[in-house]
Each structure stands twice: as C-alpha cells, then as structure tokens.
Amino acid sequence: AARRQLTDDLTHAEQPLAPGDLVGPYVALLRLALGPEPPPPARA
C-alpha cells in the first residue's frame, strides 16, 4: 500500500516548477528505487 501511495505522490510531484526543472528523470530514478521489498530504515 505504501509503495502504491508513494508512486501516486511521485506522479503528482512530477509537475516542473520552472523551465529546466529536471523533475521527470529525478522522479523516474526515485520510482526505480521503490523496489518490491520494503526498504531498510537507512534506505527509507
């Protein structure tokens, strides 16, 4: 459930704030980081 919520929030966060905002590739990297297993506390 947390992963679904985070993915959803990241989609909403993907709106660029200004030209040159590299939020798209940044969010893509973050999405990849949300693996199938819960992250250990340090990674979270």
PDB file of all heavy atoms in Angstrom:
ATOM      1  N   ALA A   1       0.834  -1.206   0.000  1.00  0.00           N
ATOM      2  CA  ALA A   1       0.000   0.000   0.000  1.00  0.00           C
ATOM      3  C   ALA A   1       0.868   1.256   0.000  1.00  0.00           C
ATOM      4  O   ALA A   1       0.579   2.221  -0.710  1.00  0.00           O
ATOM      5  CB  ALA A   1      -0.923  -0.001   1.227  1.00  0.00           C
ATOM      6  N   ALA A   2       1.955   1.239   0.772  1.00  0.00           N
ATOM      7  CA  ALA A   2       2.848   2.395   0.859  1.00  0.00           C
ATOM      8  C   ALA A   2       3.469   2.678  -0.510  1.00  0.00           C
ATOM      9  O   ALA A   2       3.566   3.828  -0.938  1.00  0.00           O
ATOM     10  CB  ALA A   2       3.935   2.139   1.900  1.00  0.00           C
ATOM     11  N   ARG A   3       3.869   1.621  -1.187  1.00  0.00           N
ATOM     12  CA  ARG A   3       4.518   1.770  -2.490  1.00  0.00           C
ATOM     13  C   ARG A   3       3.547   2.370  -3.510  1.00  0.00           C
ATOM     14  O   ARG A   3       3.920   3.238  -4.301  1.00  0.00           O
ATOM     15  CB  ARG A   3       5.003   0.396  -2.936  1.00  0.00           C
ATOM     16  CG  ARG A   3       5.881   0.438  -4.140  1.00  0.00           C
ATOM     17  CD  ARG A   3       6.529  -0.927  -4.321  1.00  0.00           C
ATOM     18  NE  ARG A   3       7.326  -0.861  -5.533  1.00  0.00           N
ATOM     19  CZ  ARG A   3       7.092  -1.611  -6.598  1.00  0.00           C
ATOM     20  NH1 ARG A   3       6.104  -2.488  -6.600  1.00  0.00           N
ATOM     21  NH2 ARG A   3       7.846  -1.496  -7.655  1.00  0.00           N
ATOM     22  N   ARG A   4       2.288   1.910  -3.481  1.00  0.00           N
ATOM     23  CA  ARG A   4       1.270   2.477  -4.384  1.00  0.00           C
ATOM     24  C   ARG A   4       1.067   3.965  -4.092  1.00  0.00           C
ATOM     25  O   ARG A   4       0.981   4.778  -5.013  1.00  0.00           O
ATOM     26  CB  ARG A   4      -0.069   1.735  -4.229  1.00  0.00           C
ATOM     27  CG  ARG A   4      -0.103   0.426  -5.006  1.00  0.00           C
ATOM     28  CD  ARG A   4      -1.507  -0.155  -5.070  1.00  0.00           C
ATOM     29  NE  ARG A   4      -2.074  -0.433  -3.751  1.00  0.00           N
ATOM     30  CZ  ARG A   4      -1.833  -1.547  -3.065  1.00  0.00           C
ATOM     31  NH1 ARG A   4      -1.019  -2.473  -3.532  1.00  0.00           N
ATOM     32  NH2 ARG A   4      -2.398  -1.739  -1.889  1.00  0.00           N
ATOM     33  N   GLN A   5       1.000   4.314  -2.806  1.00  0.00           N
ATOM     34  CA  GLN A   5       0.809   5.712  -2.418  1.00  0.00           C
ATOM     35  C   GLN A   5       2.003   6.572  -2.844  1.00  0.00           C
ATOM     36  O   GLN A   5       1.836   7.664  -3.371  1.00  0.00           O
ATOM     37  CB  GLN A   5       0.601   5.813  -0.899  1.00  0.00           C
ATOM     38  CG  GLN A   5       0.379   7.229  -0.396  1.00  0.00           C
ATOM     39  CD  GLN A   5      -0.903   7.845  -0.921  1.00  0.00           C
ATOM     40  OE1 GLN A   5      -1.965   7.251  -0.841  1.00  0.00           O
ATOM     41  NE2 GLN A   5      -0.802   9.029  -1.518  1.00  0.00           N
ATOM     42  N   LEU A   6       3.214   6.063  -2.619  1.00  0.00           N
ATOM     43  CA  LEU A   6       4.419   6.805  -2.998  1.00  0.00           C
ATOM     44  C   LEU A   6       4.483   7.008  -4.511  1.00  0.00           C
ATOM     45  O   LEU A   6       4.830   8.096  -4.986  1.00  0.00           O
ATOM     46  CB  LEU A   6       5.671   6.074  -2.512  1.00  0.00           C
ATOM     47  CG  LEU A   6       5.938   6.165  -1.005  1.00  0.00           C
ATOM     48  CD1 LEU A   6       6.992   5.140  -0.585  1.00  0.00           C
ATOM     49  CD2 LEU A   6       6.364   7.562  -0.606  1.00  0.00           C
ATOM     50  N   THR A   7       4.142   5.972  -5.263  1.00  0.00           N
ATOM     51  CA  THR A   7       4.151   6.072  -6.725  1.00  0.00           C
ATOM     52  C   THR A   7       3.160   7.137  -7.180  1.00  0.00           C
ATOM     53  O   THR A   7       3.457   7.961  -8.054  1.00  0.00           O
ATOM     54  CB  THR A   7       3.804   4.703  -7.347  1.00  0.00           C
ATOM     55  OG1 THR A   7       4.765   3.748  -6.887  1.00  0.00           O
ATOM     56  CG2 THR A   7       3.870   4.748  -8.861  1.00  0.00           C
ATOM     57  N   ASP A   8       1.997   7.140  -6.546  1.00  0.00           N
ATOM     58  CA  ASP A   8       0.960   8.122  -6.850  1.00  0.00           C
ATOM     59  C   ASP A   8       1.447   9.542  -6.515  1.00  0.00           C
ATOM     60  O   ASP A   8       1.305  10.468  -7.311  1.00  0.00           O
ATOM     61  CB  ASP A   8      -0.291   7.764  -6.033  1.00  0.00           C
ATOM     62  CG  ASP A   8      -1.513   8.524  -6.512  1.00  0.00           C
ATOM     63  OD1 ASP A   8      -1.744   8.547  -7.736  1.00  0.00           O
ATOM     64  OD2 ASP A   8      -2.221   9.100  -5.663  1.00  0.00           O
ATOM     65  N   ASP A   9       2.041   9.698  -5.333  1.00  0.00           N
ATOM     66  CA  ASP A   9       2.549  11.010  -4.921  1.00  0.00           C
ATOM     67  C   ASP A   9       3.661  11.488  -5.858  1.00  0.00           C
ATOM     68  O   ASP A   9       3.724  12.666  -6.200  1.00  0.00           O
ATOM     69  CB  ASP A   9       3.066  10.964  -3.476  1.00  0.00           C
ATOM     70  CG  ASP A   9       1.923  10.881  -2.465  1.00  0.00           C
ATOM     71  OD1 ASP A   9       0.815  11.361  -2.787  1.00  0.00           O
ATOM     72  OD2 ASP A   9       2.136  10.342  -1.375  1.00  0.00           O
ATOM     73  N   LEU A  10       4.528  10.572  -6.274  1.00  0.00           N
ATOM     74  CA  LEU A  10       5.605  10.940  -7.194  1.00  0.00           C
ATOM     75  C   LEU A  10       5.040  11.415  -8.531  1.00  0.00           C
ATOM     76  O   LEU A  10       5.561  12.351  -9.138  1.00  0.00           O
ATOM     77  CB  LEU A  10       6.572   9.770  -7.397  1.00  0.00           C
ATOM     78  CG  LEU A  10       7.499   9.483  -6.214  1.00  0.00           C
ATOM     79  CD1 LEU A  10       8.284   8.192  -6.455  1.00  0.00           C
ATOM     80  CD2 LEU A  10       8.452  10.636  -5.954  1.00  0.00           C
ATOM     81  N   THR A  11       3.955  10.785  -8.982  1.00  0.00           N
ATOM     82  CA  THR A  11       3.311  11.220 -10.222  1.00  0.00           C
ATOM     83  C   THR A  11       2.830  12.662 -10.085  1.00  0.00           C
ATOM     84  O   THR A  11       3.015  13.478 -10.984  1.00  0.00           O
ATOM     85  CB  THR A  11       2.124  10.291 -10.562  1.00  0.00           C
ATOM     86  OG1 THR A  11       2.645   8.962 -10.725  1.00  0.00           O
ATOM     87  CG2 THR A  11       1.440  10.709 -11.847  1.00  0.00           C
ATOM     88  N   HIS A  12       2.229  12.996  -8.937  1.00  0.00           N
ATOM     89  CA  HIS A  12       1.760  14.366  -8.699  1.00  0.00           C
ATOM     90  C   HIS A  12       2.918  15.346  -8.556  1.00  0.00           C
ATOM     91  O   HIS A  12       2.771  16.529  -8.865  1.00  0.00           O
ATOM     92  CB  HIS A  12       0.886  14.427  -7.446  1.00  0.00           C
ATOM     93  CG  HIS A  12      -0.457  13.809  -7.640  1.00  0.00           C
ATOM     94  ND1 HIS A  12      -1.381  14.284  -8.537  1.00  0.00           N
ATOM     95  CD2 HIS A  12      -1.033  12.730  -7.065  1.00  0.00           C
ATOM     96  CE1 HIS A  12      -2.461  13.522  -8.511  1.00  0.00           C
ATOM     97  NE2 HIS A  12      -2.275  12.572  -7.624  1.00  0.00           N
ATOM     98  N   ALA A  13       4.055  14.845  -8.070  1.00  0.00           N
ATOM     99  CA  ALA A  13       5.214  15.713  -7.849  1.00  0.00           C
ATOM    100  C   ALA A  13       5.963  15.988  -9.149  1.00  0.00           C
ATOM    101  O   ALA A  13       6.898  16.771  -9.175  1.00  0.00           O
ATOM    102  CB  ALA A  13       6.152  15.083  -6.822  1.00  0.00           C
ATOM    103  N   GLU A  14       5.550  15.319 -10.226  1.00  0.00           N
ATOM    104  CA  GLU A  14       6.300  15.398 -11.480  1.00  0.00           C
ATOM    105  C   GLU A  14       6.063  16.679 -12.281  1.00  0.00           C
ATOM    106  O   GLU A  14       6.645  16.849 -13.341  1.00  0.00           O
ATOM    107  CB  GLU A  14       5.956  14.190 -12.362  1.00  0.00           C
ATOM    108  CG  GLU A  14       7.166  13.378 -12.703  1.00  0.00           C
ATOM    109  CD  GLU A  14       6.835  12.096 -13.463  1.00  0.00           C
ATOM    110  OE1 GLU A  14       5.728  11.548 -13.278  1.00  0.00           O
ATOM    111  OE2 GLU A  14       7.683  11.653 -14.233  1.00  0.00           O
ATOM    112  N   GLN A  15       5.212  17.566 -11.780  1.00  0.00           N
ATOM    113  CA  GLN A  15       4.987  18.839 -12.485  1.00  0.00           C
ATOM    114  C   GLN A  15       6.212  19.721 -12.337  1.00  0.00           C
ATOM    115  O   GLN A  15       6.575  20.052 -11.216  1.00  0.00           O
ATOM    116  CB  GLN A  15       3.777  19.590 -11.879  1.00  0.00           C
ATOM    117  CG  GLN A  15       2.590  18.728 -11.490  1.00  0.00           C
ATOM    118  CD  GLN A  15       2.053  17.928 -12.653  1.00  0.00           C
ATOM    119  OE1 GLN A  15       1.973  18.447 -13.764  1.00  0.00           O
ATOM    120  NE2 GLN A  15       1.717  16.671 -12.415  1.00  0.00           N
ATOM    121  N   PRO A  16       6.848  20.123 -13.448  1.00  0.00           N
ATOM    122  CA  PRO A  16       8.021  21.019 -13.322  1.00  0.00           C
ATOM    123  C   PRO A  16       7.621  22.350 -12.696  1.00  0.00           C
ATOM    124  O   PRO A  16       6.541  22.860 -12.962  1.00  0.00           O
ATOM    125  CB  PRO A  16       8.480  21.214 -14.764  1.00  0.00           C
ATOM    126  CG  PRO A  16       7.865  20.094 -15.540  1.00  0.00           C
ATOM    127  CD  PRO A  16       6.595  19.745 -14.832  1.00  0.00           C
ATOM    128  N   LEU A  17       8.488  22.878 -11.843  1.00  0.00           N
ATOM    129  CA  LEU A  17       8.231  24.164 -11.193  1.00  0.00           C
ATOM    130  C   LEU A  17       8.615  25.311 -12.115  1.00  0.00           C
ATOM    131  O   LEU A  17       8.108  26.419 -11.980  1.00  0.00           O
ATOM    132  CB  LEU A  17       9.027  24.275  -9.893  1.00  0.00           C
ATOM    133  CG  LEU A  17       8.635  23.318  -8.771  1.00  0.00           C
ATOM    134  CD1 LEU A  17       9.589  23.468  -7.598  1.00  0.00           C
ATOM    135  CD2 LEU A  17       7.199  23.561  -8.319  1.00  0.00           C
ATOM    136  N   ALA A  18       9.548  25.060 -13.034  1.00  0.00           N
ATOM    137  CA  ALA A  18      10.037  26.092 -13.949  1.00  0.00           C
ATOM    138  C   ALA A  18      10.752  25.401 -15.096  1.00  0.00           C
ATOM    139  O   ALA A  18      11.083  24.219 -14.990  1.00  0.00           O
ATOM    140  CB  ALA A  18      11.009  27.018 -13.207  1.00  0.00           C
ATOM    141  N   PRO A  19      10.993  26.120 -16.199  1.00  0.00           N
ATOM    142  CA  PRO A  19      11.789  25.523 -17.273  1.00  0.00           C
ATOM    143  C   PRO A  19      13.152  25.096 -16.734  1.00  0.00           C
ATOM    144  O   PRO A  19      13.722  25.785 -15.890  1.00  0.00           O
ATOM    145  CB  PRO A  19      11.946  26.664 -18.292  1.00  0.00           C
ATOM    146  CG  PRO A  19      10.838  27.611 -17.988  1.00  0.00           C
ATOM    147  CD  PRO A  19      10.562  27.480 -16.514  1.00  0.00           C
ATOM    148  N   GLY A  20      13.620  23.939 -17.162  1.00  0.00           N
ATOM    149  CA  GLY A  20      14.910  23.455 -16.686  1.00  0.00           C
ATOM    150  C   GLY A  20      14.829  22.635 -15.407  1.00  0.00           C
ATOM    151  O   GLY A  20      15.844  22.142 -14.916  1.00  0.00           O
ATOM    152  N   ASP A  21      13.632  22.459 -14.851  1.00  0.00           N
ATOM    153  CA  ASP A  21      13.438  21.606 -13.676  1.00  0.00           C
ATOM    154  C   ASP A  21      13.521  20.150 -14.150  1.00  0.00           C
ATOM    155  O   ASP A  21      12.674  19.700 -14.918  1.00  0.00           O
ATOM    156  CB  ASP A  21      12.068  21.906 -13.064  1.00  0.00           C
ATOM    157  CG  ASP A  21      11.816  21.175 -11.755  1.00  0.00           C
ATOM    158  OD1 ASP A  21      12.683  20.378 -11.328  1.00  0.00           O
ATOM    159  OD2 ASP A  21      10.752  21.392 -11.150  1.00  0.00           O
ATOM    160  N   LEU A  22      14.538  19.429 -13.699  1.00  0.00           N
ATOM    161  CA  LEU A  22      14.756  18.043 -14.145  1.00  0.00           C
ATOM    162  C   LEU A  22      13.982  17.039 -13.290  1.00  0.00           C
ATOM    163  O   LEU A  22      14.474  15.952 -12.977  1.00  0.00           O
ATOM    164  CB  LEU A  22      16.261  17.721 -14.107  1.00  0.00           C
ATOM    165  CG  LEU A  22      17.126  18.601 -15.019  1.00  0.00           C
ATOM    166  CD1 LEU A  22      18.601  18.260 -14.840  1.00  0.00           C
ATOM    167  CD2 LEU A  22      16.725  18.425 -16.478  1.00  0.00           C
ATOM    168  N   VAL A  23      12.767  17.398 -12.930  1.00  0.00           N
ATOM    169  CA  VAL A  23      11.968  16.561 -12.037  1.00  0.00           C
ATOM    170  C   VAL A  23      11.581  15.231 -12.696  1.00  0.00           C
ATOM    171  O   VAL A  23      11.483  14.215 -12.014  1.00  0.00           O
ATOM    172  CB  VAL A  23      10.718  17.336 -11.534  1.00  0.00           C
ATOM    173  CG1 VAL A  23       9.764  17.644 -12.673  1.00  0.00           C
ATOM    174  CG2 VAL A  23      10.025  16.595 -10.410  1.00  0.00           C
ATOM    175  N   GLY A  24      11.396  15.225 -14.010  1.00  0.00           N
ATOM    176  CA  GLY A  24      10.991  13.988 -14.696  1.00  0.00           C
ATOM    177  C   GLY A  24      11.972  12.844 -14.507  1.00  0.00           C
ATOM    178  O   GLY A  24      11.621  11.790 -13.959  1.00  0.00           O
ATOM    179  N   PRO A  25      13.237  13.036 -14.932  1.00  0.00           N
ATOM    180  CA  PRO A  25      14.213  11.965 -14.737  1.00  0.00           C
ATOM    181  C   PRO A  25      14.493  11.673 -13.257  1.00  0.00           C
ATOM    182  O   PRO A  25      14.760  10.531 -12.888  1.00  0.00           O
ATOM    183  CB  PRO A  25      15.476  12.471 -15.434  1.00  0.00           C
ATOM    184  CG  PRO A  25      15.211  13.876 -15.856  1.00  0.00           C
ATOM    185  CD  PRO A  25      13.749  14.130 -15.755  1.00  0.00           C
ATOM    186  N   TYR A  26      14.381  12.684 -12.416  1.00  0.00           N
ATOM    187  CA  TYR A  26      14.619  12.501 -10.970  1.00  0.00           C
ATOM    188  C   TYR A  26      13.549  11.572 -10.384  1.00  0.00           C
ATOM    189  O   TYR A  26      13.851  10.632  -9.660  1.00  0.00           O
ATOM    190  CB  TYR A  26      14.598  13.863 -10.281  1.00  0.00           C
ATOM    191  CG  TYR A  26      15.052  13.859  -8.835  1.00  0.00           C
ATOM    192  CD1 TYR A  26      16.401  13.960  -8.514  1.00  0.00           C
ATOM    193  CD2 TYR A  26      14.134  13.778  -7.802  1.00  0.00           C
ATOM    194  CE1 TYR A  26      16.829  13.974  -7.182  1.00  0.00           C
ATOM    195  CE2 TYR A  26      14.545  13.795  -6.476  1.00  0.00           C
ATOM    196  CZ  TYR A  26      15.890  13.887  -6.176  1.00  0.00           C
ATOM    197  OH  TYR A  26      16.297  13.905  -4.860  1.00  0.00           O
ATOM    198  N   VAL A  27      12.291  11.854 -10.735  1.00  0.00           N
ATOM    199  CA  VAL A  27      11.189  11.022 -10.242  1.00  0.00           C
ATOM    200  C   VAL A  27      11.284   9.610 -10.818  1.00  0.00           C
ATOM    201  O   VAL A  27      11.003   8.627 -10.132  1.00  0.00           O
ATOM    202  CB  VAL A  27       9.828  11.691 -10.559  1.00  0.00           C
ATOM    203  CG1 VAL A  27       8.688  10.702 -10.434  1.00  0.00           C
ATOM    204  CG2 VAL A  27       9.599  12.871  -9.615  1.00  0.00           C
ATOM    205  N   ALA A  28      11.726   9.496 -12.071  1.00  0.00           N
ATOM    206  CA  ALA A  28      11.898   8.170 -12.670  1.00  0.00           C
ATOM    207  C   ALA A  28      12.911   7.343 -11.866  1.00  0.00           C
ATOM    208  O   ALA A  28      12.682   6.151 -11.600  1.00  0.00           O
ATOM    209  CB  ALA A  28      12.343   8.303 -14.125  1.00  0.00           C
ATOM    210  N   LEU A  29      14.002   7.976 -11.451  1.00  0.00           N
ATOM    211  CA  LEU A  29      15.001   7.295 -10.620  1.00  0.00           C
ATOM    212  C   LEU A  29      14.407   6.899  -9.267  1.00  0.00           C
ATOM    213  O   LEU A  29      14.649   5.792  -8.772  1.00  0.00           O
ATOM    214  CB  LEU A  29      16.193   8.213 -10.367  1.00  0.00           C
ATOM    215  CG  LEU A  29      17.424   8.095 -11.251  1.00  0.00           C
ATOM    216  CD1 LEU A  29      18.467   9.117 -10.808  1.00  0.00           C
ATOM    217  CD2 LEU A  29      18.011   6.696 -11.202  1.00  0.00           C
ATOM    218  N   LEU A  30      13.645   7.809  -8.673  1.00  0.00           N
ATOM    219  CA  LEU A  30      13.021   7.500  -7.378  1.00  0.00           C
ATOM    220  C   LEU A  30      12.055   6.323  -7.497  1.00  0.00           C
ATOM    221  O   LEU A  30      12.007   5.461  -6.621  1.00  0.00           O
ATOM    222  CB  LEU A  30      12.265   8.725  -6.843  1.00  0.00           C
ATOM    223  CG  LEU A  30      13.077   9.742  -6.062  1.00  0.00           C
ATOM    224  CD1 LEU A  30      12.223  10.953  -5.735  1.00  0.00           C
ATOM    225  CD2 LEU A  30      13.632   9.131  -4.788  1.00  0.00           C
ATOM    226  N   ARG A  31      11.285   6.306  -8.592  1.00  0.00           N
ATOM    227  CA  ARG A  31      10.353   5.187  -8.799  1.00  0.00           C
ATOM    228  C   ARG A  31      11.088   3.852  -8.859  1.00  0.00           C
ATOM    229  O   ARG A  31      10.638   2.863  -8.299  1.00  0.00           O
ATOM    230  CB  ARG A  31       9.588   5.382 -10.113  1.00  0.00           C
ATOM    231  CG  ARG A  31       8.350   6.174  -9.948  1.00  0.00           C
ATOM    232  CD  ARG A  31       7.364   5.847 -11.060  1.00  0.00           C
ATOM    233  NE  ARG A  31       6.381   6.893 -11.086  1.00  0.00           N
ATOM    234  CZ  ARG A  31       6.447   7.962 -11.862  1.00  0.00           C
ATOM    235  NH1 ARG A  31       7.447   8.109 -12.720  1.00  0.00           N
ATOM    236  NH2 ARG A  31       5.523   8.872 -11.799  1.00  0.00           N
ATOM    237  N   LEU A  32      12.236   3.856  -9.570  1.00  0.00           N
ATOM    238  CA  LEU A  32      13.042   2.630  -9.654  1.00  0.00           C
ATOM    239  C   LEU A  32      13.507   2.189  -8.277  1.00  0.00           C
ATOM    240  O   LEU A  32      13.663   1.001  -8.015  1.00  0.00           O
ATOM    241  CB  LEU A  32      14.263   2.858 -10.542  1.00  0.00           C
ATOM    242  CG  LEU A  32      14.030   2.850 -12.045  1.00  0.00           C
ATOM    243  CD1 LEU A  32      15.333   3.195 -12.769  1.00  0.00           C
ATOM    244  CD2 LEU A  32      13.516   1.497 -12.509  1.00  0.00           C
ATOM    245  N   ALA A  33      13.739   3.162  -7.401  1.00  0.00           N
ATOM    246  CA  ALA A  33      14.249   2.863  -6.059  1.00  0.00           C
ATOM    247  C   ALA A  33      13.186   2.207  -5.177  1.00  0.00           C
ATOM    248  O   ALA A  33      13.518   1.600  -4.160  1.00  0.00           O
ATOM    249  CB  ALA A  33      14.752   4.142  -5.404  1.00  0.00           C
ATOM    250  N   LEU A  34      11.905   2.326  -5.562  1.00  0.00           N
ATOM    251  CA  LEU A  34      10.834   1.704  -4.776  1.00  0.00           C
ATOM    252  C   LEU A  34      10.677   0.262  -5.240  1.00  0.00           C
ATOM    253  O   LEU A  34       9.793  -0.064  -6.020  1.00  0.00           O
ATOM    254  CB  LEU A  34       9.511   2.455  -4.984  1.00  0.00           C
ATOM    255  CG  LEU A  34       9.509   3.941  -4.643  1.00  0.00           C
ATOM    256  CD1 LEU A  34       8.158   4.550  -4.993  1.00  0.00           C
ATOM    257  CD2 LEU A  34       9.841   4.179  -3.177  1.00  0.00           C
ATOM    258  N   GLY A  35      11.558  -0.583  -4.767  1.00  0.00           N
ATOM    259  CA  GLY A  35      11.549  -1.979  -5.208  1.00  0.00           C
ATOM    260  C   GLY A  35      10.402  -2.771  -4.622  1.00  0.00           C
ATOM    261  O   GLY A  35       9.569  -2.244  -3.880  1.00  0.00           O
ATOM    262  N   PRO A  36      10.345  -4.059  -4.947  1.00  0.00           N
ATOM    263  CA  PRO A  36       9.261  -4.922  -4.451  1.00  0.00           C
ATOM    264  C   PRO A  36       9.332  -5.177  -2.946  1.00  0.00           C
ATOM    265  O   PRO A  36       8.333  -5.452  -2.305  1.00  0.00           O
ATOM    266  CB  PRO A  36       9.447  -6.222  -5.229  1.00  0.00           C
ATOM    267  CG  PRO A  36      10.871  -6.206  -5.693  1.00  0.00           C
ATOM    268  CD  PRO A  36      11.267  -4.761  -5.841  1.00  0.00           C
ATOM    269  N   GLU A  37      10.532  -5.063  -2.383  1.00  0.00           N
ATOM    270  CA  GLU A  37      10.703  -5.299  -0.936  1.00  0.00           C
ATOM    271  C   GLU A  37      10.716  -3.971  -0.195  1.00  0.00           C
ATOM    272  O   GLU A  37      11.205  -2.971  -0.726  1.00  0.00           O
ATOM    273  CB  GLU A  37      12.044  -6.009  -0.683  1.00  0.00           C
ATOM    274  CG  GLU A  37      12.145  -7.384  -1.330  1.00  0.00           C
ATOM    275  CD  GLU A  37      11.073  -8.329  -0.804  1.00  0.00           C
ATOM    276  OE1 GLU A  37      10.888  -8.375   0.428  1.00  0.00           O
ATOM    277  OE2 GLU A  37      10.423  -8.992  -1.624  1.00  0.00           O
ATOM    278  N   PRO A  38      10.227  -3.949   1.057  1.00  0.00           N
ATOM    279  CA  PRO A  38      10.291  -2.700   1.824  1.00  0.00           C
ATOM    280  C   PRO A  38      11.740  -2.286   2.019  1.00  0.00           C
ATOM    281  O   PRO A  38      12.601  -3.133   2.268  1.00  0.00           O
ATOM    282  CB  PRO A  38       9.638  -3.052   3.161  1.00  0.00           C
ATOM    283  CG  PRO A  38       9.336  -4.494   3.141  1.00  0.00           C
ATOM    284  CD  PRO A  38       9.574  -5.033   1.780  1.00  0.00           C
ATOM    285  N   PRO A  39      12.036  -0.994   1.909  1.00  0.00           N
ATOM    286  CA  PRO A  39      13.427  -0.549   2.084  1.00  0.00           C
ATOM    287  C   PRO A  39      13.834  -0.648   3.552  1.00  0.00           C
ATOM    288  O   PRO A  39      13.021  -0.396   4.433  1.00  0.00           O
ATOM    289  CB  PRO A  39      13.379   0.917   1.649  1.00  0.00           C
ATOM    290  CG  PRO A  39      11.964   1.336   1.843  1.00  0.00           C
ATOM    291  CD  PRO A  39      11.123   0.116   1.632  1.00  0.00           C
ATOM    292  N   PRO A  40      15.089  -1.039   3.828  1.00  0.00           N
ATOM    293  CA  PRO A  40      15.558  -0.982   5.217  1.00  0.00           C
ATOM    294  C   PRO A  40      15.534   0.458   5.708  1.00  0.00           C
ATOM    295  O   PRO A  40      15.526   1.383   4.884  1.00  0.00           O
ATOM    296  CB  PRO A  40      16.988  -1.532   5.149  1.00  0.00           C
ATOM    297  CG  PRO A  40      17.332  -1.665   3.712  1.00  0.00           C
ATOM    298  CD  PRO A  40      16.094  -1.517   2.893  1.00  0.00           C
ATOM    299  N   PRO A  41      15.494   0.665   7.029  1.00  0.00           N
ATOM    300  CA  PRO A  41      15.360   2.024   7.571  1.00  0.00           C
ATOM    301  C   PRO A  41      16.348   3.040   7.003  1.00  0.00           C
ATOM    302  O   PRO A  41      15.959   4.172   6.705  1.00  0.00           O
ATOM    303  CB  PRO A  41      15.555   1.827   9.078  1.00  0.00           C
ATOM    304  CG  PRO A  41      15.062   0.435   9.330  1.00  0.00           C
ATOM    305  CD  PRO A  41      15.444  -0.356   8.104  1.00  0.00           C
ATOM    306  N   ALA A  42      17.606   2.668   6.825  1.00  0.00           N
ATOM    307  CA  ALA A  42      18.596   3.623   6.314  1.00  0.00           C
ATOM    308  C   ALA A  42      18.243   4.052   4.891  1.00  0.00           C
ATOM    309  O   ALA A  42      18.395   5.223   4.523  1.00  0.00           O
ATOM    310  CB  ALA A  42      19.995   3.017   6.352  1.00  0.00           C
ATOM    311  N   ARG A  43      17.755   3.100   4.096  1.00  0.00           N
ATOM    312  CA  ARG A  43      17.375   3.440   2.720  1.00  0.00           C
ATOM    313  C   ARG A  43      16.100   4.288   2.701  1.00  0.00           C
ATOM    314  O   ARG A  43      15.981   5.204   1.901  1.00  0.00           O
ATOM    315  CB  ARG A  43      17.194   2.179   1.890  1.00  0.00           C
ATOM    316  CG  ARG A  43      16.958   2.476   0.414  1.00  0.00           C
ATOM    317  CD  ARG A  43      17.024   1.195  -0.391  1.00  0.00           C
ATOM    318  NE  ARG A  43      16.656   1.392  -1.775  1.00  0.00           N
ATOM    319  CZ  ARG A  43      17.519   1.664  -2.746  1.00  0.00           C
ATOM    320  NH1 ARG A  43      18.799   1.823  -2.457  1.00  0.00           N
ATOM    321  NH2 ARG A  43      17.119   1.797  -3.990  1.00  0.00           N
ATOM    322  N   ALA A  44      15.158   3.969   3.593  1.00  0.00           N
ATOM    323  CA  ALA A  44      13.941   4.778   3.687  1.00  0.00           C
ATOM    324  C   ALA A  44      14.300   6.225   4.043  1.00  0.00           C
ATOM    325  O   ALA A  44      13.731   7.170   3.487  1.00  0.00           O
ATOM    326  CB  ALA A  44      12.982   4.187   4.723  1.00  0.00           C
TER     327      ALA A  44
END
